[in-house]
Amino acid sequence: MWGFYKYDRVELCLKEGKIGFVKNLKHLLFPNDFEPEFKEPKTSKVYLLKNNDFYLYVGATLQPIHTKLAQGLRVDCTNGYHGHNWKETKIAECFVWSFAGMDKSQINSIRAEIVYEIRNKYGKWPLLQNEIHFNNEFSFGREVGKDIFSYLEDKYPLRGNFGFKGITEELFDEPSQYGLRGDPYLWKDLKARFEYSSVTNVEQFEEFLIDGFKENTNEIPTKGKSFFVKHFSFGGMSSGSIDSDFWTQKGFPLLVERFKKLNK
């Protein structure tokens, strides 16, 4: 059972880095604005922006929500603050929760826990979130963050079939032998990518494997060739080297065969 935390939900249309219009998706009494409670100054608020595909940003503020959003959009970057990273977005849903009895540290704790829940389920942070401030001083914030995230996932789910995949460990159980020293790290990289991917069928999986190879090597698997990948180089004669023959003859066929069996 979720805790109940009062919130507002609006659609924001951004044009040339400014809010073009606001459409309230929750309250008929305020069709083109936030509910007045969320425009109160010096009241603690947590807000979240998302689109149909993924979560974009989670913030916290004591300012009126419309002031906070506008301020972040018009910042000129001269003092080191670059404003909202989502200001190039055209349309986004904005959720805002009011926590009148909480201070800045407490709402930042809730903010951080929501971001953590997103990362924990989907394997990646909100797309436009470059920093977050965690703290261990407000344990209740963990429960509030979980409640809010669970409510969003149930009532306003993302579009698309992705999230944690339970077959990952069995699918990517490591082979007894690789080709060159970089191959085990490419295997781990593919495992990490797959764990939260949107792959659902064999054709997508085969494309996923080739794309992962190309993104790491900047090449496609080629018979008789190996490719050096700097971020897979940790010492040894063939360190960082990816063996095309291992992947085309053993690695990829093994993974595809396992994928088919695990998805019957």
Protein backbone atom coordinates (compact mmCIF):
# COMPACT_ATOMS: atom_id res chain seq x y z
CA MET A 1 0.00 0.00 0.00
CA TRP A 2 1.47 3.33 -1.05
CA GLY A 3 1.59 6.29 1.24
CA PHE A 4 -0.44 9.19 -0.08
CA TYR A 5 1.52 12.30 -0.97
CA LYS A 6 -0.36 15.16 -2.57
CA TYR A 7 0.86 15.91 -6.07
CA ASP A 8 0.11 17.79 -9.25
CA ARG A 9 0.71 16.61 -12.81
CA VAL A 10 1.07 18.89 -15.81
CA GLU A 11 2.28 18.78 -19.39
CA LEU A 12 4.96 21.31 -20.21
CA CYS A 13 5.53 22.51 -23.76
CA LEU A 14 8.92 24.14 -24.19
CA LYS A 15 9.69 26.44 -27.08
CA GLU A 16 13.14 27.93 -27.64
CA GLY A 17 14.15 27.07 -24.09
CA LYS A 18 11.08 28.64 -22.48
CA ILE A 19 7.78 27.27 -21.21
CA GLY A 20 5.29 27.83 -24.02
CA PHE A 21 2.26 26.52 -22.19
CA VAL A 22 1.20 24.43 -19.22
CA LYS A 23 -1.64 21.93 -19.44
CA ASN A 24 -2.84 20.54 -16.12
CA LEU A 25 -3.52 16.81 -16.46
CA LYS A 26 -5.00 16.38 -12.99
CA HIS A 27 -7.15 19.38 -12.02
CA LEU A 28 -10.01 20.76 -14.13
CA LEU A 29 -10.08 23.90 -11.98
CA PHE A 30 -6.56 24.87 -13.13
CA PRO A 31 -6.43 23.84 -16.81
CA ASN A 32 -3.41 25.97 -17.72
CA ASP A 33 -1.43 26.15 -14.50
CA PHE A 34 -0.22 24.30 -11.43
CA GLU A 35 -2.54 23.98 -8.47
CA PRO A 36 -1.97 27.00 -6.15
CA GLU A 37 -0.50 24.90 -3.34
CA PHE A 38 2.51 24.07 -5.50
CA LYS A 39 3.13 27.73 -6.28
CA GLU A 40 3.60 28.63 -2.62
CA PRO A 41 7.03 30.09 -1.71
CA LYS A 42 9.22 28.53 1.01
CA THR A 43 7.33 25.24 0.82
CA SER A 44 9.37 22.09 0.23
CA LYS A 45 8.68 20.36 -3.06
CA VAL A 46 10.05 17.46 -5.06
CA TYR A 47 9.46 17.45 -8.81
CA LEU A 48 10.05 14.94 -11.59
CA LEU A 49 10.08 15.25 -15.37
CA LYS A 50 9.51 12.36 -17.74
CA ASN A 51 8.29 11.55 -21.22
CA ASN A 52 6.74 8.35 -22.54
CA ASP A 53 10.15 6.78 -23.04
CA PHE A 54 11.98 7.45 -19.78
CA TYR A 55 12.52 9.60 -16.74
CA LEU A 56 14.37 12.83 -17.46
CA TYR A 57 15.11 14.64 -14.21
CA VAL A 58 14.25 14.71 -10.50
CA GLY A 59 14.61 17.97 -8.56
CA ALA A 60 13.84 19.54 -5.19
CA THR A 61 13.07 23.15 -4.35
CA LEU A 62 11.63 25.56 -1.77
CA GLN A 63 10.60 28.01 -4.50
CA PRO A 64 7.21 28.13 -6.24
CA ILE A 65 7.40 25.36 -8.83
CA HIS A 66 6.79 27.65 -11.82
CA THR A 67 9.56 29.99 -10.57
CA LYS A 68 12.02 27.12 -10.19
CA LEU A 69 11.31 25.76 -13.65
CA ALA A 70 11.54 29.17 -15.34
CA GLN A 71 14.73 30.06 -13.46
CA GLY A 72 16.50 26.93 -14.59
CA LEU A 73 15.46 27.47 -18.18
CA ARG A 74 16.69 31.05 -18.52
CA VAL A 75 20.06 30.68 -16.75
CA ASP A 76 23.00 32.01 -18.85
CA CYS A 77 25.74 29.70 -17.48
CA THR A 78 28.01 32.62 -16.47
CA ASN A 79 28.33 31.56 -12.83
CA GLY A 80 29.00 27.89 -13.41
CA TYR A 81 25.36 26.78 -13.10
CA HIS A 82 24.07 25.56 -16.45
CA GLY A 83 20.41 25.42 -15.56
CA HIS A 84 18.09 22.54 -16.30
CA ASN A 85 19.63 19.93 -18.59
CA TRP A 86 16.16 19.20 -19.93
CA LYS A 87 15.68 22.69 -21.36
CA GLU A 88 16.11 21.36 -24.93
CA THR A 89 13.14 19.03 -24.41
CA LYS A 90 10.00 19.98 -26.35
CA ILE A 91 7.28 18.27 -24.31
CA ALA A 92 7.51 16.66 -20.89
CA GLU A 93 5.25 15.60 -18.06
CA CYS A 94 6.01 17.33 -14.77
CA PHE A 95 4.97 15.83 -11.44
CA VAL A 96 5.40 17.86 -8.26
CA TRP A 97 4.84 16.81 -4.63
CA SER A 98 4.46 19.17 -1.67
CA PHE A 99 6.09 18.43 1.70
CA ALA A 100 5.29 21.46 3.82
CA GLY A 101 6.72 19.99 7.03
CA MET A 102 10.12 19.06 5.61
CA ASP A 103 13.37 20.97 5.23
CA LYS A 104 15.76 21.14 2.27
CA SER A 105 17.91 18.23 3.45
CA GLN A 106 14.86 16.00 3.81
CA ILE A 107 13.42 16.71 0.37
CA ASN A 108 16.87 16.20 -1.17
CA SER A 109 16.90 12.80 0.51
CA ILE A 110 13.55 11.93 -1.09
CA ARG A 111 14.82 13.21 -4.43
CA ALA A 112 17.90 11.01 -4.20
CA GLU A 113 15.87 7.92 -3.29
CA ILE A 114 13.58 8.37 -6.30
CA VAL A 115 16.63 8.63 -8.56
CA TYR A 116 18.06 5.49 -6.93
CA GLU A 117 14.81 3.57 -7.51
CA ILE A 118 14.94 4.51 -11.19
CA ARG A 119 18.55 3.36 -11.49
CA ASN A 120 17.83 0.17 -9.54
CA LYS A 121 14.97 -0.91 -11.82
CA TYR A 122 16.17 0.26 -15.21
CA GLY A 123 19.95 0.16 -14.92
CA LYS A 124 20.43 3.82 -15.79
CA TRP A 125 19.94 7.21 -14.22
CA PRO A 126 17.34 9.74 -15.38
CA LEU A 127 18.54 10.79 -18.81
CA LEU A 128 19.28 14.42 -17.97
CA GLN A 129 20.39 13.99 -14.35
CA ASN A 130 24.08 14.84 -13.97
CA GLU A 131 24.30 15.07 -10.19
CA ILE A 132 22.50 14.03 -7.02
CA HIS A 133 23.05 14.60 -3.31
CA PHE A 134 22.58 11.52 -1.12
CA ASN A 135 22.44 11.55 2.66
CA ASN A 136 21.84 8.98 5.39
CA GLU A 137 20.22 11.33 7.88
CA PHE A 138 16.55 10.94 6.91
CA SER A 139 15.56 7.25 6.87
CA PHE A 140 11.91 8.04 6.23
CA GLY A 141 12.98 9.53 2.90
CA ARG A 142 13.73 6.02 1.62
CA GLU A 143 10.12 4.96 2.15
CA VAL A 144 8.71 8.13 0.64
CA GLY A 145 10.94 7.73 -2.42
CA LYS A 146 9.87 4.10 -2.85
CA ASP A 147 6.21 5.04 -2.48
CA ILE A 148 6.41 7.78 -5.08
CA PHE A 149 8.30 5.64 -7.58
CA SER A 150 5.92 2.67 -7.12
CA TYR A 151 2.93 4.95 -7.63
CA LEU A 152 4.40 6.41 -10.84
CA GLU A 153 5.23 2.97 -12.20
CA ASP A 154 1.70 1.73 -11.54
CA LYS A 155 -0.34 4.77 -12.57
CA TYR A 156 1.86 6.34 -15.25
CA PRO A 157 4.05 3.52 -16.65
CA LEU A 158 6.71 4.11 -19.25
CA ARG A 159 6.11 3.02 -22.82
CA GLY A 160 8.27 0.16 -24.03
CA ASN A 161 9.34 -3.26 -22.84
CA PHE A 162 12.46 -2.79 -20.79
CA GLY A 163 13.67 -3.17 -17.26
CA PHE A 164 15.57 -5.87 -15.38
CA LYS A 165 15.80 -9.22 -17.17
CA GLY A 166 15.91 -12.28 -14.93
CA ILE A 167 17.55 -14.52 -17.55
CA THR A 168 20.72 -12.40 -17.68
CA GLU A 169 22.91 -14.48 -15.34
CA GLU A 170 22.13 -17.78 -17.06
CA LEU A 171 22.35 -16.30 -20.54
CA PHE A 172 25.76 -14.72 -19.92
CA ASP A 173 27.30 -17.54 -17.88
CA GLU A 174 30.92 -17.23 -18.98
CA PRO A 175 32.48 -19.77 -21.36
CA SER A 176 35.48 -21.82 -20.22
CA GLN A 177 37.78 -20.22 -22.79
CA TYR A 178 38.02 -16.95 -24.71
CA GLY A 179 40.11 -15.89 -27.70
CA LEU A 180 42.12 -12.87 -26.50
CA ARG A 181 42.40 -10.98 -23.21
CA GLY A 182 39.90 -8.30 -24.13
CA ASP A 183 37.11 -10.78 -24.89
CA PRO A 184 36.02 -11.40 -21.25
CA TYR A 185 35.48 -7.66 -20.81
CA LEU A 186 33.39 -7.39 -23.96
CA TRP A 187 31.35 -10.31 -22.61
CA LYS A 188 30.80 -8.39 -19.34
CA ASP A 189 29.92 -5.24 -21.28
CA LEU A 190 27.27 -7.07 -23.32
CA LYS A 191 25.87 -8.60 -20.14
CA ALA A 192 25.53 -5.19 -18.50
CA ARG A 193 23.87 -3.73 -21.60
CA PHE A 194 21.42 -6.61 -21.90
CA GLU A 195 20.35 -6.72 -18.26
CA TYR A 196 18.14 -3.65 -18.63
CA SER A 197 17.66 -3.58 -22.41
CA SER A 198 14.48 -3.59 -24.48
CA VAL A 199 15.45 -6.78 -26.36
CA THR A 200 12.56 -9.25 -26.61
CA ASN A 201 13.21 -11.53 -29.61
CA VAL A 202 16.05 -13.31 -31.41
CA GLU A 203 16.34 -10.79 -34.24
CA GLN A 204 16.68 -7.92 -31.76
CA PHE A 205 19.20 -9.92 -29.74
CA GLU A 206 21.41 -10.64 -32.76
CA GLU A 207 21.34 -6.94 -33.68
CA PHE A 208 22.06 -6.04 -30.06
CA LEU A 209 25.20 -8.23 -30.04
CA ILE A 210 26.62 -6.75 -33.26
CA ASP A 211 25.84 -3.22 -32.10
CA GLY A 212 27.64 -3.85 -28.81
CA PHE A 213 30.68 -5.16 -30.67
CA LYS A 214 30.71 -2.14 -32.99
CA GLU A 215 30.25 0.42 -30.21
CA ASN A 216 33.30 -0.94 -28.39
CA THR A 217 35.61 -1.64 -31.34
CA ASN A 218 34.32 0.81 -33.99
CA GLU A 219 34.42 -2.20 -36.32
CA ILE A 220 32.27 -5.15 -37.31
CA PRO A 221 33.51 -8.71 -36.62
CA THR A 222 35.84 -9.66 -39.46
CA LYS A 223 37.34 -13.13 -40.03
CA GLY A 224 40.96 -13.35 -38.95
CA LYS A 225 41.05 -9.86 -37.40
CA SER A 226 41.39 -8.59 -33.85
CA PHE A 227 40.70 -5.09 -32.58
CA PHE A 228 42.24 -3.18 -29.67
CA VAL A 229 39.87 -1.55 -27.16
CA LYS A 230 41.66 0.79 -24.78
CA HIS A 231 39.06 0.64 -22.01
CA PHE A 232 39.42 -3.17 -21.94
CA SER A 233 43.22 -3.02 -21.53
CA PHE A 234 44.37 -4.11 -18.07
CA GLY A 235 47.79 -5.65 -18.74
CA GLY A 236 49.21 -8.72 -20.51
CA MET A 237 50.33 -9.52 -24.07
CA SER A 238 46.92 -9.37 -25.76
CA SER A 239 45.35 -7.02 -23.23
CA GLY A 240 42.45 -5.08 -24.68
CA SER A 241 42.35 -7.15 -27.86
CA ILE A 242 39.03 -8.49 -29.18
CA ASP A 243 39.16 -11.65 -31.30
CA SER A 244 36.63 -11.53 -34.15
CA ASP A 245 36.92 -15.27 -34.74
CA PHE A 246 36.01 -16.09 -31.13
CA TRP A 247 32.87 -14.00 -31.37
CA THR A 248 31.69 -15.15 -34.80
CA GLN A 249 32.53 -18.83 -34.25
CA LYS A 250 31.76 -19.30 -30.55
CA GLY A 251 30.64 -16.26 -28.55
CA PHE A 252 27.70 -15.02 -30.62
CA PRO A 253 26.38 -18.50 -31.62
CA LEU A 254 26.52 -19.63 -27.97
CA LEU A 255 24.62 -16.57 -26.76
CA VAL A 256 21.98 -16.81 -29.49
CA GLU A 257 21.44 -20.52 -28.79
CA ARG A 258 21.02 -19.82 -25.08
CA PHE A 259 18.67 -16.90 -25.78
CA LYS A 260 16.40 -19.13 -27.85
CA LYS A 261 16.26 -21.83 -25.12
CA LEU A 262 15.63 -19.34 -22.32
CA ASN A 263 12.80 -17.66 -24.23
CA LYS A 264 10.83 -20.77 -25.21
